[in-house]
Amino acid sequence: MFASISTKPNKIKYSDGSSYILLGDSCRRHVDMTEINALCMQNFGDDAHIAKQKLLSGESVLVLGKGYLTLHKVESEMLIF
């Protein structure tokens, strides 16, 4: 696992090569940690780290104009049909 750490807690970025499925009311797409970081920063600003923790723990978060979003980790041996 690689980490890039600055002085602010919400600027911590981890990249372990994992990929995720982002599920929402009108979306379902494959995302990586970079996209998750960008989504949280864009929609939650100073509370991005809290939103990211909730998403990574399996909780849903409410994004205005997009509804509830949930994140599911893609297992390396999982087949998607």
C-alpha atoms as a PDB file:
ATOM      1  CA  MET A   1       0.000   0.000   0.000  1.00  0.00           C
ATOM      2  CA  PHE A   2       1.345   3.409  -0.977  1.00  0.00           C
ATOM      3  CA  ALA A   3       0.420   6.550   0.928  1.00  0.00           C
ATOM      4  CA  SER A   4       0.810  10.204   0.153  1.00  0.00           C
ATOM      5  CA  ILE A   5       0.413  12.195   3.356  1.00  0.00           C
ATOM      6  CA  SER A   6       0.203  15.951   3.837  1.00  0.00           C
ATOM      7  CA  THR A   7      -0.420  17.876   7.047  1.00  0.00           C
ATOM      8  CA  LYS A   8      -4.237  17.843   6.745  1.00  0.00           C
ATOM      9  CA  PRO A   9      -6.081  14.577   7.553  1.00  0.00           C
ATOM     10  CA  ASN A  10      -8.454  14.876   4.585  1.00  0.00           C
ATOM     11  CA  LYS A  11      -5.485  14.984   2.207  1.00  0.00           C
ATOM     12  CA  ILE A  12      -4.355  11.420   2.989  1.00  0.00           C
ATOM     13  CA  LYS A  13      -4.590   9.297  -0.133  1.00  0.00           C
ATOM     14  CA  TYR A  14      -4.091   5.559  -0.240  1.00  0.00           C
ATOM     15  CA  SER A  15      -3.697   3.495  -3.368  1.00  0.00           C
ATOM     16  CA  ASP A  16      -3.628  -0.255  -2.930  1.00  0.00           C
ATOM     17  CA  GLY A  17      -4.708  -1.102  -6.479  1.00  0.00           C
ATOM     18  CA  SER A  18      -8.226  -1.970  -5.341  1.00  0.00           C
ATOM     19  CA  SER A  19     -11.221  -1.246  -7.488  1.00  0.00           C
ATOM     20  CA  TYR A  20     -14.795  -0.607  -6.471  1.00  0.00           C
ATOM     21  CA  ILE A  21     -18.316  -0.457  -7.857  1.00  0.00           C
ATOM     22  CA  LEU A  22     -20.115   2.808  -7.088  1.00  0.00           C
ATOM     23  CA  LEU A  23     -23.871   2.304  -6.862  1.00  0.00           C
ATOM     24  CA  GLY A  24     -26.387   5.135  -6.898  1.00  0.00           C
ATOM     25  CA  ASP A  25     -29.984   5.858  -7.819  1.00  0.00           C
ATOM     26  CA  SER A  26     -29.127   6.340 -11.483  1.00  0.00           C
ATOM     27  CA  CYS A  27     -25.539   5.143 -11.747  1.00  0.00           C
ATOM     28  CA  ARG A  28     -23.456   2.028 -11.468  1.00  0.00           C
ATOM     29  CA  ARG A  29     -19.838   2.360 -12.416  1.00  0.00           C
ATOM     30  CA  HIS A  30     -16.406   0.980 -11.800  1.00  0.00           C
ATOM     31  CA  VAL A  31     -14.154   3.410  -9.852  1.00  0.00           C
ATOM     32  CA  ASP A  32     -10.721   3.423  -8.252  1.00  0.00           C
ATOM     33  CA  MET A  33      -9.455   5.210  -5.150  1.00  0.00           C
ATOM     34  CA  THR A  34      -8.479   8.327  -7.118  1.00  0.00           C
ATOM     35  CA  GLU A  35     -12.063   8.763  -8.323  1.00  0.00           C
ATOM     36  CA  ILE A  36     -13.413   8.136  -4.804  1.00  0.00           C
ATOM     37  CA  ASN A  37     -11.098  10.864  -3.431  1.00  0.00           C
ATOM     38  CA  ALA A  38     -12.204  13.292  -6.152  1.00  0.00           C
ATOM     39  CA  LEU A  39     -15.906  12.513  -5.631  1.00  0.00           C
ATOM     40  CA  CYS A  40     -15.647  13.094  -1.887  1.00  0.00           C
ATOM     41  CA  MET A  41     -13.628  16.320  -2.213  1.00  0.00           C
ATOM     42  CA  GLN A  42     -15.992  17.704  -4.859  1.00  0.00           C
ATOM     43  CA  ASN A  43     -19.211  16.937  -2.965  1.00  0.00           C
ATOM     44  CA  PHE A  44     -18.205  17.154   0.703  1.00  0.00           C
ATOM     45  CA  GLY A  45     -15.305  19.629   0.861  1.00  0.00           C
ATOM     46  CA  ASP A  46     -13.893  19.785   4.398  1.00  0.00           C
ATOM     47  CA  ASP A  47     -15.881  16.673   5.403  1.00  0.00           C
ATOM     48  CA  ALA A  48     -14.496  14.583   2.523  1.00  0.00           C
ATOM     49  CA  HIS A  49     -12.537  12.296   4.860  1.00  0.00           C
ATOM     50  CA  ILE A  50     -15.736  11.459   6.796  1.00  0.00           C
ATOM     51  CA  ALA A  51     -17.673  10.687   3.600  1.00  0.00           C
ATOM     52  CA  LYS A  52     -14.801   8.538   2.316  1.00  0.00           C
ATOM     53  CA  GLN A  53     -14.647   6.564   5.583  1.00  0.00           C
ATOM     54  CA  LYS A  54     -18.400   5.950   5.425  1.00  0.00           C
ATOM     55  CA  LEU A  55     -18.236   4.795   1.806  1.00  0.00           C
ATOM     56  CA  LEU A  56     -15.283   2.483   2.453  1.00  0.00           C
ATOM     57  CA  SER A  57     -17.044   0.957   5.473  1.00  0.00           C
ATOM     58  CA  GLY A  58     -20.101   0.086   3.365  1.00  0.00           C
ATOM     59  CA  GLU A  59     -22.401   2.888   4.497  1.00  0.00           C
ATOM     60  CA  SER A  60     -24.397   5.017   2.066  1.00  0.00           C
ATOM     61  CA  VAL A  61     -23.845   8.749   1.752  1.00  0.00           C
ATOM     62  CA  LEU A  62     -26.316  11.318   0.427  1.00  0.00           C
ATOM     63  CA  VAL A  63     -25.069  13.496  -2.416  1.00  0.00           C
ATOM     64  CA  LEU A  64     -27.367  16.356  -3.374  1.00  0.00           C
ATOM     65  CA  GLY A  65     -28.650  15.916  -6.910  1.00  0.00           C
ATOM     66  CA  LYS A  66     -27.383  12.331  -7.108  1.00  0.00           C
ATOM     67  CA  GLY A  67     -29.151  10.571  -4.238  1.00  0.00           C
ATOM     68  CA  TYR A  68     -27.584   7.939  -2.027  1.00  0.00           C
ATOM     69  CA  LEU A  69     -24.276   6.404  -3.118  1.00  0.00           C
ATOM     70  CA  THR A  70     -22.840   3.104  -1.898  1.00  0.00           C
ATOM     71  CA  LEU A  71     -19.437   1.591  -2.589  1.00  0.00           C
ATOM     72  CA  HIS A  72     -18.700  -2.122  -3.008  1.00  0.00           C
ATOM     73  CA  LYS A  73     -15.161  -3.491  -3.278  1.00  0.00           C
ATOM     74  CA  VAL A  74     -14.525  -5.703  -6.292  1.00  0.00           C
ATOM     75  CA  GLU A  75     -12.865  -8.917  -5.194  1.00  0.00           C
ATOM     76  CA  SER A  76     -10.050 -10.060  -7.475  1.00  0.00           C
ATOM     77  CA  GLU A  77     -11.696 -13.396  -8.173  1.00  0.00           C
ATOM     78  CA  MET A  78     -15.212 -12.040  -8.639  1.00  0.00           C
ATOM     79  CA  LEU A  79     -16.907 -12.515 -11.993  1.00  0.00           C
ATOM     80  CA  ILE A  80     -19.419  -9.896 -13.099  1.00  0.00           C
ATOM     81  CA  PHE A  81     -21.971 -10.995 -15.670  1.00  0.00           C
END
